[in-house]
Amino acid sequence: MATIREVAKRAGVSVATVSNAITENRSVNAETRARVLRAAKELNYKPNLMASSMVTKKTNIIGIFFYNFAEKNFLPYSEFLKGVTLTCQRRGQRVLVYTDVTEEQFHEGFILGNEPIDAGIIFFPQEDEFRANDLKYASLPFVFVGKCRGFSFVDCENKKLTYRLTKKLIDAGNRKICFFNSDPNWMLTKDRRAGFYAALDEARIERKQCAEYNENYENCEIFLADAFERGFRAFVVESPRMVRAIYERCLRDGLRIGKDVSVVFLGYDPQFDLMTPSLPCAKLSYEELGQSAVELIERVKKINVPQEVYLEASVIEGNSIARMK
């Protein structure tokens, strides 16, 4: 097996340049990096990560901290992990996953540096949660997935997306609209709310004639029953569970979605691809989100200033919006 010195000789650079080009720990110009990678491939060189970590005092491991690792989040989490791991593999890095850690575990591992990671990616920030408060004193670079004031993050354009889908209901003549939003402590919930009310205000729809519920698994059916009793028939929905509940209720009550009831969905779930009538929804590439999070970490290492990256979801058209006269 070839050694790093042989790669350096073939590429005409120093051993340090080979190491930096492969690990991307320090900047190497594109031409030199390409020459190093070509030489490594020709010689079938495989870097010894353990030896490298002993020299650099770095493990080249990124920690992923998930919040509420439940079955409902399995698909986006798995796609996100694919984006992270593929990007890390290209950089000679590895991934370590943490799920639902306690405040003490998080503090020990991230703030005091007792876990074998060099950086972290943290899912679903809440405005006043312990992770955001602790990370003011973090010894390791990190980024959030989801908007978090004062910190670096990657996120979807949630305000813009909610505005666009709410406007579809309004353009079809719906004026009394119910919004089933998510956990009120999440920043994405606040951004969605802002987009929803921006669409109402632009159309001069009085806010008091519409409604917003912060639904979860426990109160889903209760809130839906209350909304129907109050006469709502146009819905902006954030969770697959509530989408299913609306379709099932309409089937049971003899109401026709797309004729009597309107529904738009702020996310995407492949189980709805064959749903009739088809559902207007928003598809965000979680794989691209994972890739962007890893790339943002590298920027944060070099620039100690909060960085913000927004990805735009694509809107998939559907036939579940009733046209009101």
C-alpha atoms as a PDB file:
ATOM      1  CA  MET A   1       0.000   0.000   0.000  1.00  0.00           C
ATOM      2  CA  ALA A   2       1.285   3.465  -0.879  1.00  0.00           C
ATOM      3  CA  THR A   3       2.379   5.920   1.813  1.00  0.00           C
ATOM      4  CA  ILE A   4       1.578   9.603   2.150  1.00  0.00           C
ATOM      5  CA  ARG A   5       5.212  10.392   1.253  1.00  0.00           C
ATOM      6  CA  GLU A   6       4.859   8.529  -2.032  1.00  0.00           C
ATOM      7  CA  VAL A   7       1.715  10.511  -2.843  1.00  0.00           C
ATOM      8  CA  ALA A   8       3.534  13.759  -2.013  1.00  0.00           C
ATOM      9  CA  LYS A   9       6.416  12.792  -4.287  1.00  0.00           C
ATOM     10  CA  ARG A  10       4.107  11.838  -7.176  1.00  0.00           C
ATOM     11  CA  ALA A  11       2.138  15.099  -6.821  1.00  0.00           C
ATOM     12  CA  GLY A  12       5.247  17.233  -6.301  1.00  0.00           C
ATOM     13  CA  VAL A  13       4.038  18.716  -3.002  1.00  0.00           C
ATOM     14  CA  SER A  14       4.818  18.413   0.697  1.00  0.00           C
ATOM     15  CA  VAL A  15       3.405  15.741   3.005  1.00  0.00           C
ATOM     16  CA  ALA A  16       1.479  18.476   4.855  1.00  0.00           C
ATOM     17  CA  THR A  17      -0.148  19.612   1.606  1.00  0.00           C
ATOM     18  CA  VAL A  18      -1.274  16.044   0.871  1.00  0.00           C
ATOM     19  CA  SER A  19      -2.827  15.805   4.338  1.00  0.00           C
ATOM     20  CA  ASN A  20      -4.599  19.156   3.997  1.00  0.00           C
ATOM     21  CA  ALA A  21      -5.837  18.372   0.491  1.00  0.00           C
ATOM     22  CA  ILE A  22      -7.367  15.057   1.575  1.00  0.00           C
ATOM     23  CA  THR A  23      -8.840  16.103   4.929  1.00  0.00           C
ATOM     24  CA  GLU A  24      -9.649  19.712   3.910  1.00  0.00           C
ATOM     25  CA  ASN A  25      -8.528  20.849   7.355  1.00  0.00           C
ATOM     26  CA  ARG A  26      -6.764  23.784   5.685  1.00  0.00           C
ATOM     27  CA  SER A  27      -7.294  25.533   2.396  1.00  0.00           C
ATOM     28  CA  VAL A  28      -5.508  24.106  -0.632  1.00  0.00           C
ATOM     29  CA  ASN A  29      -6.023  25.638  -4.076  1.00  0.00           C
ATOM     30  CA  ALA A  30      -8.206  23.638  -6.444  1.00  0.00           C
ATOM     31  CA  GLU A  31      -5.449  22.789  -8.928  1.00  0.00           C
ATOM     32  CA  THR A  32      -3.102  21.439  -6.236  1.00  0.00           C
ATOM     33  CA  ARG A  33      -5.899  19.476  -4.557  1.00  0.00           C
ATOM     34  CA  ALA A  34      -6.886  17.886  -7.859  1.00  0.00           C
ATOM     35  CA  ARG A  35      -3.252  16.874  -8.464  1.00  0.00           C
ATOM     36  CA  VAL A  36      -2.989  15.348  -4.986  1.00  0.00           C
ATOM     37  CA  LEU A  37      -6.251  13.407  -5.319  1.00  0.00           C
ATOM     38  CA  ARG A  38      -5.210  12.146  -8.746  1.00  0.00           C
ATOM     39  CA  ALA A  39      -1.872  10.926  -7.364  1.00  0.00           C
ATOM     40  CA  ALA A  40      -3.620   9.270  -4.400  1.00  0.00           C
ATOM     41  CA  LYS A  41      -6.004   7.470  -6.734  1.00  0.00           C
ATOM     42  CA  GLU A  42      -3.210   6.316  -9.049  1.00  0.00           C
ATOM     43  CA  LEU A  43      -1.266   4.918  -6.093  1.00  0.00           C
ATOM     44  CA  ASN A  44      -4.395   3.534  -4.387  1.00  0.00           C
ATOM     45  CA  TYR A  45      -3.500   5.511  -1.272  1.00  0.00           C
ATOM     46  CA  LYS A  46      -5.789   5.124   1.765  1.00  0.00           C
ATOM     47  CA  PRO A  47      -5.254   7.655   4.572  1.00  0.00           C
ATOM     48  CA  ASN A  48      -4.805   6.273   8.086  1.00  0.00           C
ATOM     49  CA  LEU A  49      -7.443   8.231   9.993  1.00  0.00           C
ATOM     50  CA  MET A  50      -6.307   7.028  13.412  1.00  0.00           C
ATOM     51  CA  ALA A  51      -2.717   8.073  12.774  1.00  0.00           C
ATOM     52  CA  SER A  52      -3.861  11.420  11.407  1.00  0.00           C
ATOM     53  CA  SER A  53      -5.993  12.119  14.466  1.00  0.00           C
ATOM     54  CA  MET A  54      -3.061  11.432  16.794  1.00  0.00           C
ATOM     55  CA  VAL A  55      -0.967  14.011  14.952  1.00  0.00           C
ATOM     56  CA  THR A  56      -3.621  16.678  14.404  1.00  0.00           C
ATOM     57  CA  LYS A  57      -5.452  16.108  17.722  1.00  0.00           C
ATOM     58  CA  LYS A  58      -8.650  15.915  15.653  1.00  0.00           C
ATOM     59  CA  THR A  59     -10.923  12.936  15.082  1.00  0.00           C
ATOM     60  CA  ASN A  60     -12.519  14.157  11.827  1.00  0.00           C
ATOM     61  CA  ILE A  61     -15.880  13.112  13.302  1.00  0.00           C
ATOM     62  CA  ILE A  62     -18.989  15.281  13.057  1.00  0.00           C
ATOM     63  CA  GLY A  63     -21.695  14.742  15.674  1.00  0.00           C
ATOM     64  CA  ILE A  64     -25.348  14.881  14.596  1.00  0.00           C
ATOM     65  CA  PHE A  65     -27.725  15.802  17.433  1.00  0.00           C
ATOM     66  CA  PHE A  66     -31.328  14.875  16.659  1.00  0.00           C
ATOM     67  CA  TYR A  67     -34.305  16.155  18.618  1.00  0.00           C
ATOM     68  CA  ASN A  68     -37.402  13.963  19.047  1.00  0.00           C
ATOM     69  CA  PHE A  69     -36.082  11.039  17.018  1.00  0.00           C
ATOM     70  CA  ALA A  70     -39.540   9.587  16.418  1.00  0.00           C
ATOM     71  CA  GLU A  71     -40.990   7.444  13.665  1.00  0.00           C
ATOM     72  CA  LYS A  72     -42.753  10.479  12.191  1.00  0.00           C
ATOM     73  CA  ASN A  73     -39.366  12.035  11.414  1.00  0.00           C
ATOM     74  CA  PHE A  74     -37.696   8.905  10.035  1.00  0.00           C
ATOM     75  CA  LEU A  75     -37.847   9.798   6.341  1.00  0.00           C
ATOM     76  CA  PRO A  76     -36.417  13.356   6.530  1.00  0.00           C
ATOM     77  CA  TYR A  77     -33.811  12.227   9.077  1.00  0.00           C
ATOM     78  CA  SER A  78     -32.649   9.346   6.862  1.00  0.00           C
ATOM     79  CA  GLU A  79     -32.414  11.600   3.783  1.00  0.00           C
ATOM     80  CA  PHE A  80     -30.569  14.221   5.825  1.00  0.00           C
ATOM     81  CA  LEU A  81     -28.106  11.610   7.104  1.00  0.00           C
ATOM     82  CA  LYS A  82     -27.474  10.474   3.543  1.00  0.00           C
ATOM     83  CA  GLY A  83     -26.518  14.020   2.566  1.00  0.00           C
ATOM     84  CA  VAL A  84     -24.256  14.376   5.604  1.00  0.00           C
ATOM     85  CA  THR A  85     -22.509  11.011   5.287  1.00  0.00           C
ATOM     86  CA  LEU A  86     -21.892  11.260   1.534  1.00  0.00           C
ATOM     87  CA  THR A  87     -20.404  14.734   1.958  1.00  0.00           C
ATOM     88  CA  CYS A  88     -18.288  13.621   4.915  1.00  0.00           C
ATOM     89  CA  GLN A  89     -17.000  10.564   3.053  1.00  0.00           C
ATOM     90  CA  ARG A  90     -15.708  12.786   0.274  1.00  0.00           C
ATOM     91  CA  ARG A  91     -13.868  14.814   2.901  1.00  0.00           C
ATOM     92  CA  GLY A  92     -12.420  11.861   4.810  1.00  0.00           C
ATOM     93  CA  GLN A  93     -14.743  12.539   7.755  1.00  0.00           C
ATOM     94  CA  ARG A  94     -17.030  10.298   9.788  1.00  0.00           C
ATOM     95  CA  VAL A  95     -20.408  10.799  11.471  1.00  0.00           C
ATOM     96  CA  LEU A  96     -21.579  10.039  15.007  1.00  0.00           C
ATOM     97  CA  VAL A  97     -25.335  10.235  15.703  1.00  0.00           C
ATOM     98  CA  TYR A  98     -26.855  11.314  19.043  1.00  0.00           C
ATOM     99  CA  THR A  99     -30.595  11.062  19.730  1.00  0.00           C
ATOM    100  CA  ASP A 100     -32.583  12.875  22.414  1.00  0.00           C
ATOM    101  CA  VAL A 101     -29.604  13.640  24.665  1.00  0.00           C
ATOM    102  CA  THR A 102     -30.194  15.141  28.091  1.00  0.00           C
ATOM    103  CA  GLU A 103     -28.991  18.585  29.083  1.00  0.00           C
ATOM    104  CA  GLU A 104     -26.192  17.043  31.166  1.00  0.00           C
ATOM    105  CA  GLN A 105     -25.043  14.769  28.323  1.00  0.00           C
ATOM    106  CA  PHE A 106     -25.091  17.648  25.874  1.00  0.00           C
ATOM    107  CA  HIS A 107     -23.103  19.898  28.196  1.00  0.00           C
ATOM    108  CA  GLU A 108     -20.496  17.222  28.929  1.00  0.00           C
ATOM    109  CA  GLY A 109     -20.038  16.279  25.297  1.00  0.00           C
ATOM    110  CA  PHE A 110     -20.318  19.545  23.447  1.00  0.00           C
ATOM    111  CA  ILE A 111     -19.395  22.276  25.886  1.00  0.00           C
ATOM    112  CA  LEU A 112     -16.658  20.459  27.795  1.00  0.00           C
ATOM    113  CA  GLY A 113     -15.503  18.494  24.746  1.00  0.00           C
ATOM    114  CA  ASN A 114     -15.674  15.027  26.316  1.00  0.00           C
ATOM    115  CA  GLU A 115     -17.123  13.383  23.194  1.00  0.00           C
ATOM    116  CA  PRO A 116     -14.878  12.313  20.256  1.00  0.00           C
ATOM    117  CA  ILE A 117     -16.197  14.921  17.818  1.00  0.00           C
ATOM    118  CA  ASP A 118     -14.664  17.984  16.185  1.00  0.00           C
ATOM    119  CA  ALA A 119     -17.922  19.730  15.249  1.00  0.00           C
ATOM    120  CA  GLY A 120     -21.674  19.316  15.521  1.00  0.00           C
ATOM    121  CA  ILE A 121     -24.909  19.634  13.573  1.00  0.00           C
ATOM    122  CA  ILE A 122     -27.985  20.183  15.732  1.00  0.00           C
ATOM    123  CA  PHE A 123     -31.571  19.549  14.647  1.00  0.00           C
ATOM    124  CA  PHE A 124     -34.734  21.522  15.485  1.00  0.00           C
ATOM    125  CA  PRO A 125     -33.596  24.449  17.646  1.00  0.00           C
ATOM    126  CA  GLN A 126     -36.061  26.003  20.058  1.00  0.00           C
ATOM    127  CA  GLU A 127     -35.844  29.653  20.983  1.00  0.00           C
ATOM    128  CA  ASP A 128     -35.126  29.241  24.693  1.00  0.00           C
ATOM    129  CA  GLU A 129     -33.994  25.620  24.954  1.00  0.00           C
ATOM    130  CA  PHE A 130     -30.922  24.425  26.841  1.00  0.00           C
ATOM    131  CA  ARG A 131     -28.912  23.601  23.706  1.00  0.00           C
ATOM    132  CA  ALA A 132     -29.044  27.141  22.315  1.00  0.00           C
ATOM    133  CA  ASN A 133     -28.230  28.612  25.732  1.00  0.00           C
ATOM    134  CA  ASP A 134     -25.326  26.209  26.360  1.00  0.00           C
ATOM    135  CA  LEU A 135     -23.813  26.729  22.928  1.00  0.00           C
ATOM    136  CA  LYS A 136     -22.949  30.324  23.687  1.00  0.00           C
ATOM    137  CA  TYR A 137     -19.954  28.769  25.469  1.00  0.00           C
ATOM    138  CA  ALA A 138     -19.257  25.860  23.099  1.00  0.00           C
ATOM    139  CA  SER A 139     -15.656  24.766  22.614  1.00  0.00           C
ATOM    140  CA  LEU A 140     -16.479  23.194  19.222  1.00  0.00           C
ATOM    141  CA  PRO A 141     -17.847  24.652  15.974  1.00  0.00           C
ATOM    142  CA  PHE A 142     -21.486  23.793  15.252  1.00  0.00           C
ATOM    143  CA  VAL A 143     -24.445  24.682  13.050  1.00  0.00           C
ATOM    144  CA  PHE A 144     -28.187  24.340  13.544  1.00  0.00           C
ATOM    145  CA  VAL A 145     -30.631  22.770  11.113  1.00  0.00           C
ATOM    146  CA  GLY A 146     -33.473  25.216  11.526  1.00  0.00           C
ATOM    147  CA  LYS A 147     -33.470  28.933  12.210  1.00  0.00           C
ATOM    148  CA  CYS A 148     -31.863  30.043  15.464  1.00  0.00           C
ATOM    149  CA  ARG A 149     -31.136  33.696  16.199  1.00  0.00           C
ATOM    150  CA  GLY A 150     -27.490  34.553  16.812  1.00  0.00           C
ATOM    151  CA  PHE A 151     -26.146  31.203  15.533  1.00  0.00           C
ATOM    152  CA  SER A 152     -25.164  29.691  12.192  1.00  0.00           C
ATOM    153  CA  PHE A 153     -27.907  27.611  10.575  1.00  0.00           C
ATOM    154  CA  VAL A 154     -29.318  26.058   7.415  1.00  0.00           C
ATOM    155  CA  ASP A 155     -33.060  26.174   6.940  1.00  0.00           C
ATOM    156  CA  CYS A 156     -35.973  26.130   4.528  1.00  0.00           C
ATOM    157  CA  GLU A 157     -37.657  29.392   3.491  1.00  0.00           C
ATOM    158  CA  ASN A 158     -40.588  28.559   5.793  1.00  0.00           C
ATOM    159  CA  LYS A 159     -42.186  31.997   5.792  1.00  0.00           C
ATOM    160  CA  LYS A 160     -42.126  32.255   2.000  1.00  0.00           C
ATOM    161  CA  LEU A 161     -43.362  28.673   1.570  1.00  0.00           C
ATOM    162  CA  THR A 162     -46.333  29.091   3.920  1.00  0.00           C
ATOM    163  CA  TYR A 163     -47.242  32.362   2.233  1.00  0.00           C
ATOM    164  CA  ARG A 164     -47.240  30.690  -1.211  1.00  0.00           C
ATOM    165  CA  LEU A 165     -49.461  27.771  -0.183  1.00  0.00           C
ATOM    166  CA  THR A 166     -51.867  29.935   1.825  1.00  0.00           C
ATOM    167  CA  LYS A 167     -52.190  32.255  -1.172  1.00  0.00           C
ATOM    168  CA  LYS A 168     -53.281  29.276  -3.298  1.00  0.00           C
ATOM    169  CA  LEU A 169     -56.299  28.882  -1.010  1.00  0.00           C
ATOM    170  CA  ILE A 170     -57.028  32.604  -1.105  1.00  0.00           C
ATOM    171  CA  ASP A 171     -56.714  32.810  -4.912  1.00  0.00           C
ATOM    172  CA  ALA A 172     -59.329  30.036  -5.159  1.00  0.00           C
ATOM    173  CA  GLY A 173     -61.764  32.208  -3.189  1.00  0.00           C
ATOM    174  CA  ASN A 174     -61.301  30.730   0.289  1.00  0.00           C
ATOM    175  CA  ARG A 175     -61.581  33.422   2.975  1.00  0.00           C
ATOM    176  CA  LYS A 176     -62.112  31.423   6.164  1.00  0.00           C
ATOM    177  CA  ILE A 177     -58.898  29.464   6.553  1.00  0.00           C
ATOM    178  CA  CYS A 178     -57.642  27.243   9.391  1.00  0.00           C
ATOM    179  CA  PHE A 179     -53.917  26.735   9.959  1.00  0.00           C
ATOM    180  CA  PHE A 180     -52.707  23.593  11.757  1.00  0.00           C
ATOM    181  CA  ASN A 181     -49.203  24.699  12.808  1.00  0.00           C
ATOM    182  CA  SER A 182     -46.465  22.868  14.757  1.00  0.00           C
ATOM    183  CA  ASP A 183     -44.876  23.185  18.234  1.00  0.00           C
ATOM    184  CA  PRO A 184     -45.057  26.871  19.268  1.00  0.00           C
ATOM    185  CA  ASN A 185     -41.517  26.709  20.715  1.00  0.00           C
ATOM    186  CA  TRP A 186     -39.912  26.004  17.342  1.00  0.00           C
ATOM    187  CA  MET A 187     -38.578  28.840  15.222  1.00  0.00           C
ATOM    188  CA  LEU A 188     -40.018  27.258  12.068  1.00  0.00           C
ATOM    189  CA  THR A 189     -43.481  27.529  13.680  1.00  0.00           C
ATOM    190  CA  LYS A 190     -42.991  31.274  14.097  1.00  0.00           C
ATOM    191  CA  ASP A 191     -41.812  31.668  10.498  1.00  0.00           C
ATOM    192  CA  ARG A 192     -44.781  29.666   9.202  1.00  0.00           C
ATOM    193  CA  ARG A 193     -47.144  31.813  11.246  1.00  0.00           C
ATOM    194  CA  ALA A 194     -45.588  34.957   9.776  1.00  0.00           C
ATOM    195  CA  GLY A 195     -46.081  33.618   6.238  1.00  0.00           C
ATOM    196  CA  PHE A 196     -49.688  32.595   6.924  1.00  0.00           C
ATOM    197  CA  TYR A 197     -50.698  35.987   8.282  1.00  0.00           C
ATOM    198  CA  ALA A 198     -48.739  37.845   5.587  1.00  0.00           C
ATOM    199  CA  ALA A 199     -50.943  36.147   2.970  1.00  0.00           C
ATOM    200  CA  LEU A 200     -54.102  37.015   4.925  1.00  0.00           C
ATOM    201  CA  ASP A 201     -53.066  40.639   5.408  1.00  0.00           C
ATOM    202  CA  GLU A 202     -52.169  41.063   1.749  1.00  0.00           C
ATOM    203  CA  ALA A 203     -55.640  39.807   0.754  1.00  0.00           C
ATOM    204  CA  ARG A 204     -57.257  42.003   3.428  1.00  0.00           C
ATOM    205  CA  ILE A 205     -58.754  39.013   5.194  1.00  0.00           C
ATOM    206  CA  GLU A 206     -59.519  39.724   8.833  1.00  0.00           C
ATOM    207  CA  ARG A 207     -57.379  37.542  11.067  1.00  0.00           C
ATOM    208  CA  LYS A 208     -60.265  36.924  13.478  1.00  0.00           C
ATOM    209  CA  GLN A 209     -62.225  35.034  10.809  1.00  0.00           C
ATOM    210  CA  CYS A 210     -59.353  32.533  10.477  1.00  0.00           C
ATOM    211  CA  ALA A 211     -57.771  30.282  13.102  1.00  0.00           C
ATOM    212  CA  GLU A 212     -54.458  28.720  14.092  1.00  0.00           C
ATOM    213  CA  TYR A 213     -53.948  25.551  16.132  1.00  0.00           C
ATOM    214  CA  ASN A 214     -50.616  24.218  17.408  1.00  0.00           C
ATOM    215  CA  GLU A 215     -51.331  20.533  16.943  1.00  0.00           C
ATOM    216  CA  ASN A 216     -49.476  17.399  18.001  1.00  0.00           C
ATOM    217  CA  TYR A 217     -50.182  13.670  18.243  1.00  0.00           C
ATOM    218  CA  GLU A 218     -52.320  14.055  21.357  1.00  0.00           C
ATOM    219  CA  ASN A 219     -54.611  16.905  20.297  1.00  0.00           C
ATOM    220  CA  CYS A 220     -54.853  16.277  16.534  1.00  0.00           C
ATOM    221  CA  GLU A 221     -58.359  14.772  16.494  1.00  0.00           C
ATOM    222  CA  ILE A 222     -59.666  17.208  19.118  1.00  0.00           C
ATOM    223  CA  PHE A 223     -58.516  20.272  17.175  1.00  0.00           C
ATOM    224  CA  LEU A 224     -59.830  18.915  13.887  1.00  0.00           C
ATOM    225  CA  ALA A 225     -63.264  18.280  15.373  1.00  0.00           C
ATOM    226  CA  ASP A 226     -63.291  21.800  16.821  1.00  0.00           C
ATOM    227  CA  ALA A 227     -62.279  23.339  13.484  1.00  0.00           C
ATOM    228  CA  PHE A 228     -65.051  21.535  11.576  1.00  0.00           C
ATOM    229  CA  GLU A 229     -67.597  22.495  14.247  1.00  0.00           C
ATOM    230  CA  ARG A 230     -66.568  26.144  13.782  1.00  0.00           C
ATOM    231  CA  GLY A 231     -67.263  25.854  10.071  1.00  0.00           C
ATOM    232  CA  PHE A 232     -63.737  25.737   8.660  1.00  0.00           C
ATOM    233  CA  ARG A 233     -63.398  23.981   5.313  1.00  0.00           C
ATOM    234  CA  ALA A 234     -60.023  25.331   4.064  1.00  0.00           C
ATOM    235  CA  PHE A 235     -56.863  24.074   5.767  1.00  0.00           C
ATOM    236  CA  VAL A 236     -53.124  24.770   5.745  1.00  0.00           C
ATOM    237  CA  VAL A 237     -51.537  21.690   7.340  1.00  0.00           C
ATOM    238  CA  GLU A 238     -48.019  20.986   8.599  1.00  0.00           C
ATOM    239  CA  SER A 239     -48.178  17.279   9.560  1.00  0.00           C
ATOM    240  CA  PRO A 240     -48.957  14.088   7.587  1.00  0.00           C
ATOM    241  CA  ARG A 241     -51.076  12.892  10.508  1.00  0.00           C
ATOM    242  CA  MET A 242     -53.441  15.858  10.191  1.00  0.00           C
ATOM    243  CA  VAL A 243     -53.638  15.437   6.406  1.00  0.00           C
ATOM    244  CA  ARG A 244     -54.796  11.837   6.876  1.00  0.00           C
ATOM    245  CA  ALA A 245     -57.251  12.886   9.578  1.00  0.00           C
ATOM    246  CA  ILE A 246     -58.867  15.481   7.291  1.00  0.00           C
ATOM    247  CA  TYR A 247     -59.187  13.050   4.372  1.00  0.00           C
ATOM    248  CA  GLU A 248     -60.659  10.364   6.647  1.00  0.00           C
ATOM    249  CA  ARG A 249     -63.166  12.758   8.215  1.00  0.00           C
ATOM    250  CA  CYS A 250     -64.311  14.030   4.825  1.00  0.00           C
ATOM    251  CA  LEU A 251     -64.787  10.456   3.598  1.00  0.00           C
ATOM    252  CA  ARG A 252     -66.812   9.635   6.709  1.00  0.00           C
ATOM    253  CA  ASP A 253     -68.960  12.804   6.517  1.00  0.00           C
ATOM    254  CA  GLY A 254     -69.562  12.646   2.762  1.00  0.00           C
ATOM    255  CA  LEU A 255     -67.556  15.821   2.052  1.00  0.00           C
ATOM    256  CA  ARG A 256     -65.581  16.090  -1.190  1.00  0.00           C
ATOM    257  CA  ILE A 257     -62.009  17.352  -0.959  1.00  0.00           C
ATOM    258  CA  GLY A 258     -61.408  19.719  -3.848  1.00  0.00           C
ATOM    259  CA  LYS A 259     -65.123  20.517  -3.996  1.00  0.00           C
ATOM    260  CA  ASP A 260     -66.367  21.092  -0.440  1.00  0.00           C
ATOM    261  CA  VAL A 261     -63.040  21.138   1.448  1.00  0.00           C
ATOM    262  CA  SER A 262     -59.600  22.554   0.573  1.00  0.00           C
ATOM    263  CA  VAL A 263     -56.253  21.246   1.879  1.00  0.00           C
ATOM    264  CA  VAL A 264     -52.611  22.239   1.284  1.00  0.00           C
ATOM    265  CA  PHE A 265     -49.639  20.544   2.965  1.00  0.00           C
ATOM    266  CA  LEU A 266     -46.443  22.328   4.072  1.00  0.00           C
ATOM    267  CA  GLY A 267     -44.338  19.179   3.764  1.00  0.00           C
ATOM    268  CA  TYR A 268     -43.978  16.123   1.590  1.00  0.00           C
ATOM    269  CA  ASP A 269     -44.680  12.455   2.217  1.00  0.00           C
ATOM    270  CA  PRO A 270     -44.399   9.817  -0.558  1.00  0.00           C
ATOM    271  CA  GLN A 271     -47.435   7.995   0.865  1.00  0.00           C
ATOM    272  CA  PHE A 272     -49.542  10.868  -0.503  1.00  0.00           C
ATOM    273  CA  ASP A 273     -48.336  10.468  -4.110  1.00  0.00           C
ATOM    274  CA  LEU A 274     -51.311   8.225  -4.932  1.00  0.00           C
ATOM    275  CA  MET A 275     -53.821  10.127  -2.807  1.00  0.00           C
ATOM    276  CA  THR A 276     -57.051  11.212  -4.532  1.00  0.00           C
ATOM    277  CA  PRO A 277     -57.540  14.055  -5.041  1.00  0.00           C
ATOM    278  CA  SER A 278     -53.838  14.931  -5.291  1.00  0.00           C
ATOM    279  CA  LEU A 279     -52.429  17.233  -2.635  1.00  0.00           C
ATOM    280  CA  PRO A 280     -50.542  20.520  -3.174  1.00  0.00           C
ATOM    281  CA  CYS A 281     -47.423  20.137  -1.032  1.00  0.00           C
ATOM    282  CA  ALA A 282     -43.834  21.300  -0.569  1.00  0.00           C
ATOM    283  CA  LYS A 283     -40.800  19.134  -1.214  1.00  0.00           C
ATOM    284  CA  LEU A 284     -37.475  20.068   0.348  1.00  0.00           C
ATOM    285  CA  SER A 285     -34.336  18.071  -0.415  1.00  0.00           C
ATOM    286  CA  TYR A 286     -33.186  16.910   3.020  1.00  0.00           C
ATOM    287  CA  GLU A 287     -30.167  15.326   1.350  1.00  0.00           C
ATOM    288  CA  GLU A 288     -29.162  18.767   0.059  1.00  0.00           C
ATOM    289  CA  LEU A 289     -29.872  20.157   3.529  1.00  0.00           C
ATOM    290  CA  GLY A 290     -27.388  17.643   5.006  1.00  0.00           C
ATOM    291  CA  GLN A 291     -24.756  18.534   2.442  1.00  0.00           C
ATOM    292  CA  SER A 292     -25.263  22.252   3.116  1.00  0.00           C
ATOM    293  CA  ALA A 293     -24.918  21.716   6.876  1.00  0.00           C
ATOM    294  CA  VAL A 294     -21.513  20.016   6.471  1.00  0.00           C
ATOM    295  CA  GLU A 295     -20.311  22.713   4.080  1.00  0.00           C
ATOM    296  CA  LEU A 296     -21.492  25.415   6.491  1.00  0.00           C
ATOM    297  CA  ILE A 297     -19.426  23.883   9.293  1.00  0.00           C
ATOM    298  CA  GLU A 298     -16.311  24.395   7.187  1.00  0.00           C
ATOM    299  CA  ARG A 299     -17.251  28.050   6.693  1.00  0.00           C
ATOM    300  CA  VAL A 300     -17.896  28.508  10.413  1.00  0.00           C
ATOM    301  CA  LYS A 301     -14.431  27.145  11.191  1.00  0.00           C
ATOM    302  CA  LYS A 302     -12.880  29.882   9.057  1.00  0.00           C
ATOM    303  CA  ILE A 303     -15.271  32.774   9.779  1.00  0.00           C
ATOM    304  CA  ASN A 304     -16.311  33.214  13.384  1.00  0.00           C
ATOM    305  CA  VAL A 305     -19.479  35.095  12.458  1.00  0.00           C
ATOM    306  CA  PRO A 306     -22.997  33.581  12.359  1.00  0.00           C
ATOM    307  CA  GLN A 307     -23.819  32.339   8.863  1.00  0.00           C
ATOM    308  CA  GLU A 308     -27.333  31.810   7.463  1.00  0.00           C
ATOM    309  CA  VAL A 309     -28.148  29.462   4.555  1.00  0.00           C
ATOM    310  CA  TYR A 310     -31.684  29.112   3.188  1.00  0.00           C
ATOM    311  CA  LEU A 311     -32.916  26.414   0.801  1.00  0.00           C
ATOM    312  CA  GLU A 312     -36.159  26.787  -1.119  1.00  0.00           C
ATOM    313  CA  ALA A 313     -38.678  23.965  -1.270  1.00  0.00           C
ATOM    314  CA  SER A 314     -40.390  23.173  -4.558  1.00  0.00           C
ATOM    315  CA  VAL A 315     -44.192  23.344  -4.591  1.00  0.00           C
ATOM    316  CA  ILE A 316     -45.971  20.337  -6.090  1.00  0.00           C
ATOM    317  CA  GLU A 317     -49.370  21.150  -7.574  1.00  0.00           C
ATOM    318  CA  GLY A 318     -52.535  19.195  -6.740  1.00  0.00           C
ATOM    319  CA  ASN A 319     -56.323  19.096  -7.007  1.00  0.00           C
ATOM    320  CA  SER A 320     -57.405  19.358  -3.381  1.00  0.00           C
ATOM    321  CA  ILE A 321     -58.309  23.065  -3.449  1.00  0.00           C
ATOM    322  CA  ALA A 322     -62.005  23.915  -3.805  1.00  0.00           C
ATOM    323  CA  ARG A 323     -62.835  26.937  -5.937  1.00  0.00           C
ATOM    324  CA  MET A 324     -65.298  29.082  -4.034  1.00  0.00           C
ATOM    325  CA  LYS A 325     -67.805  31.342  -5.799  1.00  0.00           C
END
